[in-house]
């Protein structure tokens, strides 16, 4: 599963810019990678794990702006079409899992 965070946060004042930056830092701290300026994604090994991250992010939402959280399957993610200019590229691959004993 992949959890997407898509957002449009106001940055018209210093306080609002700070809140937007704090939200981005939360996403990075939670293991999200930036796909585009306001589009972040995180791989989750299962739907249950994805739903747990979704719940945690709800508690970190800024008071203003729009945030969309979307959970998609690995298969749906793999069907994404990615372009840099007119050149097609493959979507990001599943990160390597580390086993800790």
Protein backbone atom coordinates (compact mmCIF):
# COMPACT_ATOMS: atom_id res chain seq x y z
CA UNK A 1 0.00 0.00 0.00
CA UNK A 2 1.03 3.59 -0.61
CA UNK A 3 -0.23 6.50 1.47
CA UNK A 4 -0.30 9.84 -0.32
CA UNK A 5 -0.48 13.23 1.35
CA UNK A 6 -1.56 15.92 -1.09
CA UNK A 7 -1.90 19.41 0.30
CA UNK A 8 -2.40 23.06 -0.49
CA UNK A 9 -1.50 25.11 2.57
CA UNK A 10 -1.58 28.91 2.85
CA UNK A 11 1.80 30.64 3.01
CA UNK A 12 0.70 34.29 2.97
CA UNK A 13 2.13 35.15 6.41
CA UNK A 14 5.18 34.08 8.37
CA UNK A 15 3.00 32.08 10.78
CA UNK A 16 1.25 30.22 7.95
CA UNK A 17 4.59 29.48 6.24
CA UNK A 18 5.89 28.08 9.52
CA UNK A 19 2.85 25.81 9.88
CA UNK A 20 3.25 24.55 6.30
CA UNK A 21 6.95 23.86 6.92
CA UNK A 22 6.15 22.04 10.17
CA UNK A 23 3.65 19.82 8.34
CA UNK A 24 6.25 18.96 5.68
CA UNK A 25 8.74 18.09 8.44
CA UNK A 26 6.17 15.80 10.07
CA UNK A 27 5.73 13.99 6.75
CA UNK A 28 9.48 13.53 6.34
CA UNK A 29 9.86 12.37 9.94
CA UNK A 30 7.10 9.78 9.34
CA UNK A 31 9.00 8.35 6.37
CA UNK A 32 7.26 10.12 3.49
CA UNK A 33 9.18 11.07 0.35
CA UNK A 34 8.42 14.15 -1.70
CA UNK A 35 7.12 13.25 -5.18
CA UNK A 36 6.25 16.84 -6.08
CA UNK A 37 6.20 20.12 -4.17
CA UNK A 38 2.99 19.39 -2.25
CA UNK A 39 2.68 15.65 -2.93
CA UNK A 40 4.31 13.19 -0.55
CA UNK A 41 4.03 9.39 -0.45
CA UNK A 42 4.99 6.63 1.93
CA UNK A 43 5.11 2.88 1.35
CA UNK A 44 3.17 0.83 3.92
CA UNK A 45 3.55 -2.94 4.12
CA UNK A 46 -0.18 -3.45 4.75
CA UNK A 47 -3.48 -1.61 4.81
CA UNK A 48 -3.52 -1.73 8.63
CA UNK A 49 -0.16 0.03 8.80
CA UNK A 50 -1.37 2.59 6.24
CA UNK A 51 -4.48 3.29 8.30
CA UNK A 52 -2.34 3.78 11.42
CA UNK A 53 -0.19 6.36 9.62
CA UNK A 54 -3.35 8.02 8.31
CA UNK A 55 -4.67 8.33 11.88
CA UNK A 56 -1.35 9.75 13.11
CA UNK A 57 -1.35 12.36 10.36
CA UNK A 58 -4.88 13.46 11.26
CA UNK A 59 -3.49 14.65 14.57
CA UNK A 60 -0.83 16.74 12.80
CA UNK A 61 -3.07 18.57 10.33
CA UNK A 62 -2.57 22.33 10.17
CA UNK A 63 -5.58 24.48 11.15
CA UNK A 64 -5.92 26.00 7.66
CA UNK A 65 -5.55 24.81 4.11
CA UNK A 66 -6.48 21.60 2.35
CA UNK A 67 -4.92 18.18 2.94
CA UNK A 68 -5.97 14.98 1.17
CA UNK A 69 -4.80 11.59 2.40
CA UNK A 70 -5.13 8.73 -0.08
CA UNK A 71 -4.30 5.07 0.44
CA UNK A 72 -3.75 3.08 -2.78
CA UNK A 73 -2.61 -0.45 -3.48
CA UNK A 74 0.84 -1.26 -4.79
CA UNK A 75 -0.75 -2.32 -8.07
CA UNK A 76 -2.59 1.00 -8.46
CA UNK A 77 0.62 2.87 -7.64
CA UNK A 78 2.48 0.87 -10.29
CA UNK A 79 -0.04 1.98 -12.93
CA UNK A 80 0.89 5.64 -12.36
CA UNK A 81 2.33 7.36 -15.40
CA UNK A 82 5.27 9.64 -14.60
CA UNK A 83 6.72 12.21 -17.01
CA UNK A 84 9.68 14.54 -16.80
CA UNK A 85 8.96 16.92 -19.61
CA UNK A 86 7.87 14.61 -22.41
CA UNK A 87 10.03 11.71 -21.25
CA UNK A 88 8.24 8.88 -19.46
CA UNK A 89 9.76 7.33 -16.35
CA UNK A 90 8.82 4.45 -14.10
CA UNK A 91 7.13 5.28 -10.78
CA UNK A 92 9.18 4.90 -7.61
CA UNK A 93 9.89 1.33 -6.59
CA UNK A 94 9.01 -0.30 -3.29
CA UNK A 95 11.73 0.53 -0.74
CA UNK A 96 13.93 -2.29 0.48
CA UNK A 97 12.78 -3.77 3.77
CA UNK A 98 15.29 -4.14 6.59
CA UNK A 99 15.06 -6.96 9.07
CA UNK A 100 16.18 -6.25 12.60
CA UNK A 101 16.79 -9.07 15.02
